[in-house]
N, C-alpha and C. Protein backbone atom coordinates (compact mmCIF):
# COMPACT_ATOMS: atom_id res chain seq x y z
N MET A 1 -3.61 -17.81 -39.04
CA MET A 1 -3.71 -16.40 -39.35
C MET A 1 -4.91 -15.82 -38.61
N LEU A 2 -4.72 -14.67 -37.99
CA LEU A 2 -5.78 -14.04 -37.22
C LEU A 2 -6.68 -13.21 -38.13
N THR A 3 -7.97 -13.23 -37.80
CA THR A 3 -8.91 -12.39 -38.54
C THR A 3 -8.84 -10.97 -38.00
N ALA A 4 -9.49 -10.06 -38.70
CA ALA A 4 -9.50 -8.65 -38.27
C ALA A 4 -10.12 -8.51 -36.89
N SER A 5 -11.20 -9.23 -36.61
CA SER A 5 -11.84 -9.12 -35.30
C SER A 5 -10.97 -9.75 -34.21
N GLN A 6 -10.22 -10.81 -34.56
CA GLN A 6 -9.30 -11.39 -33.59
C GLN A 6 -8.16 -10.43 -33.28
N ASN A 7 -7.65 -9.77 -34.31
CA ASN A 7 -6.61 -8.75 -34.10
C ASN A 7 -7.12 -7.63 -33.21
N GLN A 8 -8.35 -7.19 -33.48
CA GLN A 8 -8.95 -6.13 -32.68
C GLN A 8 -9.11 -6.59 -31.23
N GLY A 9 -9.53 -7.84 -31.03
CA GLY A 9 -9.68 -8.39 -29.69
C GLY A 9 -8.34 -8.46 -28.96
N GLU A 10 -7.31 -8.89 -29.66
CA GLU A 10 -5.97 -8.97 -29.06
C GLU A 10 -5.47 -7.57 -28.68
N ALA A 11 -5.72 -6.59 -29.54
CA ALA A 11 -5.30 -5.21 -29.24
C ALA A 11 -6.05 -4.70 -28.02
N HIS A 12 -7.35 -4.98 -27.93
CA HIS A 12 -8.14 -4.56 -26.78
C HIS A 12 -7.63 -5.22 -25.50
N LYS A 13 -7.29 -6.50 -25.60
CA LYS A 13 -6.76 -7.24 -24.46
C LYS A 13 -5.43 -6.63 -23.99
N ALA A 14 -4.56 -6.28 -24.93
CA ALA A 14 -3.27 -5.66 -24.59
C ALA A 14 -3.47 -4.30 -23.94
N ASP A 15 -4.43 -3.52 -24.44
CA ASP A 15 -4.73 -2.22 -23.84
C ASP A 15 -5.23 -2.38 -22.41
N ALA A 16 -6.10 -3.36 -22.20
CA ALA A 16 -6.64 -3.61 -20.87
C ALA A 16 -5.54 -4.03 -19.90
N GLN A 17 -4.61 -4.87 -20.37
CA GLN A 17 -3.50 -5.30 -19.53
C GLN A 17 -2.59 -4.13 -19.17
N ALA A 18 -2.32 -3.27 -20.14
CA ALA A 18 -1.49 -2.09 -19.87
C ALA A 18 -2.16 -1.18 -18.86
N GLU A 19 -3.47 -1.00 -18.99
CA GLU A 19 -4.20 -0.16 -18.04
C GLU A 19 -4.17 -0.78 -16.64
N SER A 20 -4.32 -2.10 -16.56
CA SER A 20 -4.26 -2.79 -15.28
C SER A 20 -2.87 -2.64 -14.65
N ASP A 21 -1.83 -2.81 -15.47
CA ASP A 21 -0.46 -2.67 -14.97
C ASP A 21 -0.22 -1.26 -14.43
N LEU A 22 -0.69 -0.25 -15.17
CA LEU A 22 -0.53 1.13 -14.72
C LEU A 22 -1.27 1.36 -13.41
N SER A 23 -2.45 0.78 -13.28
CA SER A 23 -3.25 0.93 -12.08
C SER A 23 -2.54 0.36 -10.85
N HIS A 24 -1.70 -0.65 -11.06
CA HIS A 24 -1.00 -1.29 -9.94
C HIS A 24 0.40 -0.74 -9.72
N THR A 25 0.84 0.19 -10.54
CA THR A 25 2.16 0.78 -10.39
C THR A 25 2.20 1.65 -9.15
N THR A 26 3.17 1.40 -8.30
CA THR A 26 3.28 2.10 -7.03
C THR A 26 4.73 2.46 -6.76
N ALA A 27 4.96 3.67 -6.30
CA ALA A 27 6.30 4.09 -5.91
C ALA A 27 6.27 4.45 -4.43
N LYS A 28 7.27 3.97 -3.68
CA LYS A 28 7.36 4.25 -2.25
C LYS A 28 8.60 5.08 -1.99
N ALA A 29 8.43 6.11 -1.19
CA ALA A 29 9.56 6.92 -0.72
C ALA A 29 9.33 7.14 0.77
N GLY A 30 9.97 6.32 1.58
CA GLY A 30 9.73 6.39 3.02
C GLY A 30 8.28 6.06 3.31
N PRO A 31 7.59 6.92 4.06
CA PRO A 31 6.20 6.64 4.41
C PRO A 31 5.19 7.15 3.38
N ILE A 32 5.66 7.55 2.20
CA ILE A 32 4.78 8.11 1.17
C ILE A 32 4.63 7.10 0.04
N THR A 33 3.38 6.89 -0.38
CA THR A 33 3.08 6.03 -1.52
C THR A 33 2.49 6.89 -2.62
N ALA A 34 3.02 6.76 -3.82
CA ALA A 34 2.46 7.46 -4.98
C ALA A 34 2.06 6.40 -6.00
N SER A 35 0.83 6.51 -6.48
CA SER A 35 0.36 5.61 -7.52
C SER A 35 -0.21 6.46 -8.64
N SER A 36 -0.68 5.80 -9.68
CA SER A 36 -1.23 6.54 -10.82
C SER A 36 -2.47 7.33 -10.43
N SER A 37 -3.06 6.99 -9.29
CA SER A 37 -4.30 7.67 -8.90
C SER A 37 -4.13 8.69 -7.79
N GLY A 38 -3.05 8.66 -7.05
CA GLY A 38 -2.91 9.62 -5.96
C GLY A 38 -1.72 9.34 -5.07
N VAL A 39 -1.70 10.03 -3.93
CA VAL A 39 -0.62 9.93 -2.97
C VAL A 39 -1.22 9.65 -1.59
N ALA A 40 -0.57 8.80 -0.81
CA ALA A 40 -1.05 8.48 0.53
C ALA A 40 0.14 8.39 1.48
N VAL A 41 -0.11 8.68 2.74
CA VAL A 41 0.91 8.57 3.79
C VAL A 41 0.62 7.32 4.60
N ASP A 42 1.66 6.54 4.90
CA ASP A 42 1.51 5.30 5.65
C ASP A 42 0.96 5.56 7.05
N ASN A 43 0.25 4.57 7.56
CA ASN A 43 -0.21 4.56 8.94
C ASN A 43 1.02 4.65 9.85
N LYS A 44 0.90 5.36 10.96
CA LYS A 44 2.02 5.57 11.88
C LYS A 44 2.59 4.23 12.39
N ASP A 45 1.74 3.23 12.57
CA ASP A 45 2.24 1.93 13.03
C ASP A 45 3.20 1.30 12.04
N ARG A 46 3.01 1.58 10.75
CA ARG A 46 3.94 1.03 9.76
C ARG A 46 5.32 1.64 9.91
N THR A 47 5.40 2.96 10.04
CA THR A 47 6.71 3.60 10.15
C THR A 47 7.34 3.33 11.51
N ASP A 48 6.55 3.36 12.57
CA ASP A 48 7.09 3.07 13.90
C ASP A 48 7.56 1.61 13.99
N GLY A 49 6.80 0.70 13.38
CA GLY A 49 7.19 -0.71 13.39
C GLY A 49 8.49 -0.94 12.65
N SER A 50 8.64 -0.27 11.53
CA SER A 50 9.88 -0.39 10.76
C SER A 50 11.06 0.14 11.57
N TRP A 51 10.85 1.25 12.23
CA TRP A 51 11.90 1.84 13.07
C TRP A 51 12.28 0.88 14.20
N ASN A 52 11.27 0.28 14.86
CA ASN A 52 11.55 -0.67 15.94
C ASN A 52 12.31 -1.88 15.43
N GLN A 53 12.03 -2.32 14.22
CA GLN A 53 12.79 -3.44 13.65
C GLN A 53 14.25 -3.06 13.45
N THR A 54 14.48 -1.85 12.96
CA THR A 54 15.85 -1.38 12.73
C THR A 54 16.63 -1.29 14.04
N ILE A 55 16.01 -0.67 15.04
CA ILE A 55 16.67 -0.54 16.35
C ILE A 55 16.88 -1.91 16.97
N GLY A 56 15.87 -2.77 16.87
CA GLY A 56 16.00 -4.12 17.43
C GLY A 56 17.12 -4.91 16.78
N SER A 57 17.23 -4.81 15.47
CA SER A 57 18.32 -5.51 14.77
C SER A 57 19.68 -4.97 15.21
N GLY A 58 19.75 -3.65 15.39
CA GLY A 58 21.00 -3.04 15.86
C GLY A 58 21.39 -3.54 17.25
N LYS A 59 20.41 -3.61 18.13
CA LYS A 59 20.68 -4.11 19.49
C LYS A 59 21.13 -5.57 19.44
N GLU A 60 20.47 -6.36 18.60
CA GLU A 60 20.82 -7.78 18.49
C GLU A 60 22.26 -7.92 17.97
N THR A 61 22.60 -7.15 16.95
CA THR A 61 23.95 -7.21 16.38
C THR A 61 25.00 -6.77 17.40
N LEU A 62 24.72 -5.65 18.07
CA LEU A 62 25.65 -5.17 19.08
C LEU A 62 25.80 -6.18 20.21
N GLY A 63 24.69 -6.78 20.64
CA GLY A 63 24.75 -7.80 21.69
C GLY A 63 25.60 -8.98 21.28
N ASN A 64 25.48 -9.38 20.01
CA ASN A 64 26.32 -10.47 19.50
C ASN A 64 27.79 -10.08 19.51
N LEU A 65 28.07 -8.85 19.07
CA LEU A 65 29.47 -8.40 18.96
C LEU A 65 30.16 -8.32 20.32
N ILE A 66 29.46 -7.81 21.31
CA ILE A 66 30.11 -7.60 22.62
C ILE A 66 29.80 -8.72 23.61
N GLY A 67 29.00 -9.70 23.18
CA GLY A 67 28.69 -10.84 24.04
C GLY A 67 27.69 -10.52 25.14
N ALA A 68 26.83 -9.53 24.91
CA ALA A 68 25.81 -9.16 25.90
C ALA A 68 24.50 -9.87 25.54
N GLU A 69 24.28 -11.00 26.19
CA GLU A 69 23.11 -11.82 25.88
C GLU A 69 21.80 -11.07 26.14
N GLY A 70 21.76 -10.26 27.18
CA GLY A 70 20.55 -9.49 27.50
C GLY A 70 20.21 -8.49 26.39
N LEU A 71 21.22 -7.80 25.90
CA LEU A 71 21.01 -6.83 24.82
C LEU A 71 20.57 -7.55 23.55
N LYS A 72 21.17 -8.69 23.28
CA LYS A 72 20.80 -9.48 22.11
C LYS A 72 19.32 -9.89 22.20
N LYS A 73 18.91 -10.41 23.35
CA LYS A 73 17.52 -10.83 23.53
C LYS A 73 16.56 -9.64 23.43
N GLU A 74 16.95 -8.51 23.98
CA GLU A 74 16.12 -7.30 23.89
C GLU A 74 15.96 -6.88 22.43
N GLY A 75 17.03 -6.98 21.67
CA GLY A 75 16.97 -6.64 20.25
C GLY A 75 16.05 -7.57 19.48
N ILE A 76 16.13 -8.86 19.77
CA ILE A 76 15.26 -9.83 19.11
C ILE A 76 13.80 -9.53 19.44
N ARG A 77 13.52 -9.24 20.71
CA ARG A 77 12.15 -8.92 21.14
C ARG A 77 11.64 -7.66 20.45
N GLN A 78 12.47 -6.61 20.43
CA GLN A 78 12.05 -5.35 19.81
C GLN A 78 11.84 -5.50 18.30
N ASN A 79 12.69 -6.27 17.67
CA ASN A 79 12.56 -6.51 16.24
C ASN A 79 11.22 -7.22 15.95
N GLN A 80 10.90 -8.24 16.75
CA GLN A 80 9.65 -8.97 16.55
C GLN A 80 8.44 -8.07 16.79
N GLU A 81 8.50 -7.26 17.85
CA GLU A 81 7.40 -6.33 18.12
C GLU A 81 7.23 -5.34 16.96
N GLY A 82 8.35 -4.90 16.40
CA GLY A 82 8.30 -3.99 15.26
C GLY A 82 7.64 -4.63 14.04
N LYS A 83 7.94 -5.91 13.81
CA LYS A 83 7.31 -6.63 12.69
C LYS A 83 5.80 -6.71 12.89
N GLU A 84 5.39 -7.01 14.10
CA GLU A 84 3.95 -7.10 14.40
C GLU A 84 3.28 -5.74 14.26
N GLN A 85 3.94 -4.70 14.75
CA GLN A 85 3.40 -3.35 14.67
C GLN A 85 3.27 -2.90 13.21
N GLU A 86 4.29 -3.18 12.41
CA GLU A 86 4.25 -2.81 11.00
C GLU A 86 3.13 -3.57 10.27
N ALA A 87 2.99 -4.86 10.57
CA ALA A 87 1.93 -5.66 9.94
C ALA A 87 0.55 -5.12 10.31
N ALA A 88 0.37 -4.71 11.56
CA ALA A 88 -0.92 -4.14 11.98
C ALA A 88 -1.20 -2.85 11.21
N GLY A 89 -0.19 -2.03 11.02
CA GLY A 89 -0.35 -0.79 10.25
C GLY A 89 -0.68 -1.06 8.79
N GLN A 90 -0.06 -2.09 8.24
CA GLN A 90 -0.35 -2.46 6.85
C GLN A 90 -1.80 -2.88 6.70
N LEU A 91 -2.28 -3.67 7.65
CA LEU A 91 -3.69 -4.10 7.59
C LEU A 91 -4.64 -2.92 7.75
N LYS A 92 -4.29 -1.99 8.63
CA LYS A 92 -5.12 -0.79 8.79
C LYS A 92 -5.17 0.02 7.50
N ASP A 93 -4.01 0.21 6.87
CA ASP A 93 -3.96 0.96 5.62
C ASP A 93 -4.72 0.24 4.51
N TYR A 94 -4.56 -1.06 4.44
CA TYR A 94 -5.24 -1.84 3.41
C TYR A 94 -6.76 -1.72 3.58
N GLY A 95 -7.22 -1.93 4.80
CA GLY A 95 -8.66 -1.84 5.08
C GLY A 95 -9.20 -0.44 4.87
N SER A 96 -8.47 0.55 5.31
CA SER A 96 -8.88 1.94 5.13
C SER A 96 -8.92 2.31 3.65
N GLY A 97 -7.94 1.81 2.90
CA GLY A 97 -7.90 2.07 1.47
C GLY A 97 -9.11 1.50 0.76
N ILE A 98 -9.46 0.27 1.10
CA ILE A 98 -10.65 -0.36 0.49
C ILE A 98 -11.90 0.43 0.87
N LYS A 99 -12.00 0.81 2.13
CA LYS A 99 -13.17 1.57 2.60
C LYS A 99 -13.30 2.88 1.82
N ASP A 100 -12.19 3.59 1.65
CA ASP A 100 -12.24 4.86 0.93
C ASP A 100 -12.55 4.66 -0.55
N ARG A 101 -12.02 3.60 -1.14
CA ARG A 101 -12.32 3.33 -2.56
C ARG A 101 -13.80 3.06 -2.75
N VAL A 102 -14.36 2.21 -1.90
CA VAL A 102 -15.78 1.87 -2.02
C VAL A 102 -16.64 3.10 -1.71
N GLY A 103 -16.31 3.79 -0.61
CA GLY A 103 -17.08 4.98 -0.24
C GLY A 103 -17.02 6.06 -1.31
N GLY A 104 -15.86 6.23 -1.90
CA GLY A 104 -15.70 7.21 -2.96
C GLY A 104 -16.49 6.84 -4.20
N THR A 105 -16.46 5.56 -4.54
CA THR A 105 -17.20 5.10 -5.71
C THR A 105 -18.70 5.25 -5.52
N LEU A 106 -19.20 4.78 -4.38
CA LEU A 106 -20.64 4.87 -4.11
C LEU A 106 -21.09 6.32 -3.96
N GLY A 107 -20.30 7.11 -3.23
CA GLY A 107 -20.64 8.52 -3.06
C GLY A 107 -20.61 9.27 -4.38
N GLY A 108 -19.65 8.93 -5.22
CA GLY A 108 -19.56 9.57 -6.53
C GLY A 108 -20.74 9.22 -7.42
N ALA A 109 -21.19 7.96 -7.33
CA ALA A 109 -22.35 7.55 -8.12
C ALA A 109 -23.59 8.28 -7.66
N ALA A 110 -23.75 8.42 -6.33
CA ALA A 110 -24.91 9.15 -5.80
C ALA A 110 -24.86 10.61 -6.21
N ALA A 111 -23.66 11.20 -6.15
CA ALA A 111 -23.51 12.61 -6.54
C ALA A 111 -23.80 12.79 -8.03
N ALA A 112 -23.43 11.82 -8.84
CA ALA A 112 -23.71 11.89 -10.27
C ALA A 112 -25.21 11.88 -10.54
N LEU A 113 -25.92 11.08 -9.76
CA LEU A 113 -27.38 11.02 -9.92
C LEU A 113 -28.05 12.36 -9.60
N THR A 114 -27.48 13.08 -8.63
CA THR A 114 -28.06 14.37 -8.25
C THR A 114 -27.44 15.53 -9.04
N GLY A 115 -26.40 15.23 -9.81
CA GLY A 115 -25.76 16.27 -10.61
C GLY A 115 -24.83 17.18 -9.82
N ASP A 116 -24.40 16.74 -8.63
CA ASP A 116 -23.52 17.54 -7.78
C ASP A 116 -22.06 17.31 -8.17
N LYS A 117 -21.53 18.15 -9.06
CA LYS A 117 -20.18 17.99 -9.59
C LYS A 117 -19.11 18.14 -8.50
N ALA A 118 -19.32 19.07 -7.59
CA ALA A 118 -18.34 19.27 -6.50
C ALA A 118 -18.24 18.02 -5.63
N GLU A 119 -19.38 17.42 -5.33
CA GLU A 119 -19.38 16.20 -4.52
C GLU A 119 -18.76 15.04 -5.31
N GLN A 120 -19.00 14.98 -6.61
CA GLN A 120 -18.38 13.94 -7.44
C GLN A 120 -16.86 14.06 -7.37
N ASP A 121 -16.36 15.29 -7.50
CA ASP A 121 -14.91 15.51 -7.44
C ASP A 121 -14.35 15.12 -6.08
N LYS A 122 -15.07 15.47 -5.02
CA LYS A 122 -14.64 15.14 -3.66
C LYS A 122 -14.58 13.61 -3.49
N ARG A 123 -15.59 12.93 -3.99
CA ARG A 123 -15.64 11.47 -3.87
C ARG A 123 -14.60 10.79 -4.74
N GLN A 124 -14.28 11.38 -5.89
CA GLN A 124 -13.22 10.82 -6.73
C GLN A 124 -11.87 10.94 -6.02
N ALA A 125 -11.65 12.07 -5.35
CA ALA A 125 -10.41 12.25 -4.58
C ALA A 125 -10.34 11.23 -3.44
N GLN A 126 -11.47 10.97 -2.79
CA GLN A 126 -11.53 9.96 -1.72
C GLN A 126 -11.17 8.59 -2.28
N HIS A 127 -11.74 8.25 -3.42
CA HIS A 127 -11.45 6.97 -4.08
C HIS A 127 -9.97 6.86 -4.42
N ASP A 128 -9.42 7.92 -5.01
CA ASP A 128 -8.02 7.90 -5.44
C ASP A 128 -7.07 7.79 -4.26
N GLN A 129 -7.36 8.49 -3.16
CA GLN A 129 -6.54 8.40 -1.95
C GLN A 129 -6.58 6.96 -1.41
N GLY A 130 -7.77 6.38 -1.37
CA GLY A 130 -7.90 5.00 -0.90
C GLY A 130 -7.13 4.02 -1.77
N LYS A 131 -7.18 4.24 -3.06
CA LYS A 131 -6.46 3.35 -3.98
C LYS A 131 -4.95 3.43 -3.73
N ALA A 132 -4.44 4.63 -3.58
CA ALA A 132 -3.00 4.79 -3.31
C ALA A 132 -2.63 4.14 -1.99
N GLN A 133 -3.48 4.32 -0.98
CA GLN A 133 -3.21 3.73 0.34
C GLN A 133 -3.21 2.20 0.25
N GLN A 134 -4.19 1.65 -0.44
CA GLN A 134 -4.27 0.20 -0.60
C GLN A 134 -3.08 -0.33 -1.39
N ARG A 135 -2.71 0.34 -2.47
CA ARG A 135 -1.58 -0.11 -3.29
C ARG A 135 -0.27 -0.06 -2.50
N GLY A 136 -0.11 0.96 -1.66
CA GLY A 136 1.10 1.04 -0.84
C GLY A 136 1.22 -0.12 0.13
N ALA A 137 0.11 -0.48 0.77
CA ALA A 137 0.12 -1.62 1.68
C ALA A 137 0.39 -2.91 0.91
N GLU A 138 -0.25 -3.06 -0.26
CA GLU A 138 -0.03 -4.25 -1.08
C GLU A 138 1.44 -4.37 -1.48
N ALA A 139 2.05 -3.27 -1.86
CA ALA A 139 3.46 -3.29 -2.29
C ALA A 139 4.36 -3.73 -1.15
N ASP A 140 4.12 -3.20 0.05
CA ASP A 140 4.96 -3.60 1.19
C ASP A 140 4.74 -5.05 1.58
N ILE A 141 3.49 -5.50 1.56
CA ILE A 141 3.19 -6.88 1.89
C ILE A 141 3.86 -7.82 0.88
N GLN A 142 3.79 -7.48 -0.40
CA GLN A 142 4.41 -8.29 -1.44
C GLN A 142 5.94 -8.32 -1.28
N LYS A 143 6.52 -7.16 -0.95
CA LYS A 143 7.97 -7.09 -0.76
C LYS A 143 8.41 -8.02 0.38
N GLN A 144 7.63 -8.04 1.45
CA GLN A 144 7.97 -8.91 2.57
C GLN A 144 7.77 -10.39 2.22
N ALA A 145 6.76 -10.68 1.40
CA ALA A 145 6.52 -12.07 1.00
C ALA A 145 7.65 -12.57 0.10
N ASP A 146 8.21 -11.68 -0.70
CA ASP A 146 9.29 -12.03 -1.62
C ASP A 146 10.63 -12.21 -0.89
N ALA A 147 10.75 -11.61 0.29
CA ALA A 147 12.03 -11.65 1.03
C ALA A 147 12.28 -12.97 1.69
């Protein structure tokens, strides 16, 4: 049987887990990521890389269907280049997101010390944008790892 303080601890733990889960909730619609903290647009390399993968796969499939070995090889090459390009964009977004989160947090703390509410709000927006950008990259990376 749990004591009152154990029950309170378990409730606090459940609240913390729910808050953590909400913090990691991410929705993707094309190149747009929306999270509980904000909205971010994917790095151009991510969208261009995805497009190159799609076109490359199409060329590979068509090459297979019509027996055009050159077209098939071109499709395989373009698909691979697209994967590399998308991965580079994901890393850029992930790194940029972390940078904005840290910069926003530190800048917000400095603004709080000086009492500059406008700067605090600006830095909170920077933090939130970075978080959304980072979560979007994490979601895509996880999706690819699961595939």
